Amino acid sequence: MTTFYDEIGGEPTITAIVAAFYRGVAGDEVLRPLYPEEDLGPAEERFRTFLMQYWGGPTTYSDRRGHPRLRMRHAPFAVTPVAKEHWLTHFRAALDEVALPPEQDAQFWDYVTHAAQFMVNSFE
């Protein structure tokens, strides 16, 4: 069975998307303060392995960290509607950079827009 992960090019594609995303986050005045680590590398690794697993790739994320429990893991951080919009801006740019075929781009974008809305936990 071919997974969405396979269809989009597997690890190299997910790696390119996540790397482009974190280049945006690194200079973002709203998002960067939400990352307590000075080095974004560990966050990038977690996000990369999560997306790989989510789309049907290796289960490295769960093997290392257990169930994703995304809302719980993000609870310590104020994810505001403004932060969500910044997050989506960088993710859109990352998807544009890798230029997936339109149908796959739409499927990926649909997932991240819903996930981003789900993660909003503060209106301060």
Protein backbone atom coordinates (compact mmCIF):
# COMPACT_ATOMS: atom_id res chain seq x y z
CA MET A 1 0.00 0.00 0.00
CA THR A 2 1.32 3.40 -0.94
CA THR A 3 0.96 6.03 1.78
CA PHE A 4 0.70 9.79 1.42
CA TYR A 5 4.23 9.85 2.87
CA ASP A 6 5.43 7.76 -0.10
CA GLU A 7 3.41 9.77 -2.62
CA ILE A 8 5.03 13.07 -1.63
CA GLY A 9 8.59 11.71 -1.65
CA GLY A 10 9.04 10.45 1.92
CA GLU A 11 11.67 11.66 4.32
CA PRO A 12 13.48 14.07 1.96
CA THR A 13 10.25 15.97 1.27
CA ILE A 14 9.15 16.13 4.90
CA THR A 15 12.68 17.18 5.89
CA ALA A 16 12.63 19.99 3.31
CA ILE A 17 9.21 21.23 4.46
CA VAL A 18 10.16 21.23 8.14
CA ALA A 19 13.55 22.86 7.51
CA ALA A 20 11.91 25.65 5.50
CA PHE A 21 9.26 26.07 8.20
CA TYR A 22 11.87 26.44 10.96
CA ARG A 23 13.88 28.95 8.93
CA GLY A 24 10.75 31.10 9.10
CA VAL A 25 10.16 30.44 12.79
CA ALA A 26 13.76 31.35 13.66
CA GLY A 27 13.21 34.99 12.71
CA ASP A 28 9.58 35.30 13.80
CA GLU A 29 9.00 37.75 16.66
CA VAL A 30 5.77 36.00 17.73
CA LEU A 31 6.76 32.34 17.41
CA ARG A 32 10.44 32.27 18.34
CA PRO A 33 9.78 33.15 22.01
CA LEU A 34 7.51 30.08 22.28
CA TYR A 35 10.54 27.82 21.81
CA PRO A 36 12.46 27.66 25.10
CA GLU A 37 15.46 25.90 23.56
CA GLU A 38 18.16 28.12 22.11
CA ASP A 39 18.71 25.54 19.37
CA LEU A 40 15.62 24.87 17.26
CA GLY A 41 17.16 21.57 16.09
CA PRO A 42 15.41 19.36 18.67
CA ALA A 43 12.01 20.95 17.94
CA GLU A 44 12.65 20.52 14.22
CA GLU A 45 13.50 16.84 14.76
CA ARG A 46 10.32 16.25 16.79
CA PHE A 47 8.12 17.96 14.18
CA ARG A 48 9.83 16.14 11.31
CA THR A 49 9.40 12.69 12.90
CA PHE A 50 5.81 13.52 13.89
CA LEU A 51 4.84 14.51 10.33
CA MET A 52 6.65 11.50 8.87
CA GLN A 53 4.66 9.18 11.15
CA TYR A 54 1.38 11.05 10.68
CA TRP A 55 1.55 10.68 6.89
CA GLY A 56 2.45 6.97 6.97
CA GLY A 57 6.22 6.90 7.36
CA PRO A 58 8.36 5.39 10.12
CA THR A 59 7.01 5.40 13.68
CA THR A 60 10.15 7.04 15.08
CA TYR A 61 8.11 9.76 16.81
CA SER A 62 6.00 7.35 18.89
CA ASP A 63 8.94 5.02 19.44
CA ARG A 64 10.81 7.91 21.10
CA ARG A 65 8.03 9.97 22.65
CA GLY A 66 4.90 7.84 22.94
CA HIS A 67 1.49 9.07 21.83
CA PRO A 68 1.64 12.56 20.26
CA ARG A 69 -0.91 14.15 22.71
CA LEU A 70 -0.47 17.40 20.80
CA ARG A 71 -2.73 19.65 22.86
CA MET A 72 -1.16 18.44 26.10
CA ARG A 73 2.38 18.91 24.82
CA HIS A 74 1.57 22.45 23.66
CA ALA A 75 -0.41 23.42 26.78
CA PRO A 76 2.54 25.16 28.49
CA PHE A 77 2.77 27.60 25.54
CA ALA A 78 0.29 30.37 24.80
CA VAL A 79 -0.86 29.45 21.31
CA THR A 80 -2.92 32.51 20.38
CA PRO A 81 -4.86 33.17 17.18
CA VAL A 82 -2.00 35.53 16.17
CA ALA A 83 0.59 32.80 16.81
CA LYS A 84 -1.54 30.40 14.75
CA GLU A 85 -1.55 32.84 11.82
CA HIS A 86 2.24 33.27 12.01
CA TRP A 87 2.65 29.49 12.19
CA LEU A 88 0.45 29.02 9.11
CA THR A 89 2.33 31.75 7.22
CA HIS A 90 5.62 29.88 7.67
CA PHE A 91 4.04 26.51 6.89
CA ARG A 92 2.45 27.88 3.71
CA ALA A 93 5.84 29.24 2.63
CA ALA A 94 7.44 25.86 3.36
CA LEU A 95 4.85 24.00 1.27
CA ASP A 96 5.28 26.52 -1.53
CA GLU A 97 9.04 25.96 -1.43
CA VAL A 98 8.74 22.19 -1.99
CA ALA A 99 5.99 22.61 -4.59
CA LEU A 100 3.96 19.44 -4.08
CA PRO A 101 1.44 18.56 -6.78
CA PRO A 102 -1.77 20.57 -6.20
CA GLU A 103 -3.86 17.69 -4.82
CA GLN A 104 -1.17 16.69 -2.30
CA ASP A 105 -0.49 20.31 -1.40
CA ALA A 106 -4.21 20.78 -0.69
CA GLN A 107 -4.35 17.63 1.47
CA PHE A 108 -1.28 18.70 3.49
CA TRP A 109 -2.56 22.27 3.85
CA ASP A 110 -6.00 21.07 4.94
CA TYR A 111 -4.43 19.00 7.71
CA VAL A 112 -2.13 21.76 9.02
CA THR A 113 -4.82 24.45 8.97
CA HIS A 114 -7.15 22.25 11.02
CA ALA A 115 -4.34 21.20 13.35
CA ALA A 116 -3.24 24.81 13.87
CA GLN A 117 -6.78 25.86 14.81
CA PHE A 118 -7.02 22.90 17.20
CA MET A 119 -3.81 24.00 18.96
CA VAL A 120 -5.06 27.50 19.84
CA ASN A 121 -5.28 27.50 23.64
CA SER A 122 -5.08 31.16 24.62
CA PHE A 123 -6.84 34.34 23.58
CA GLU A 124 -4.56 36.69 25.55
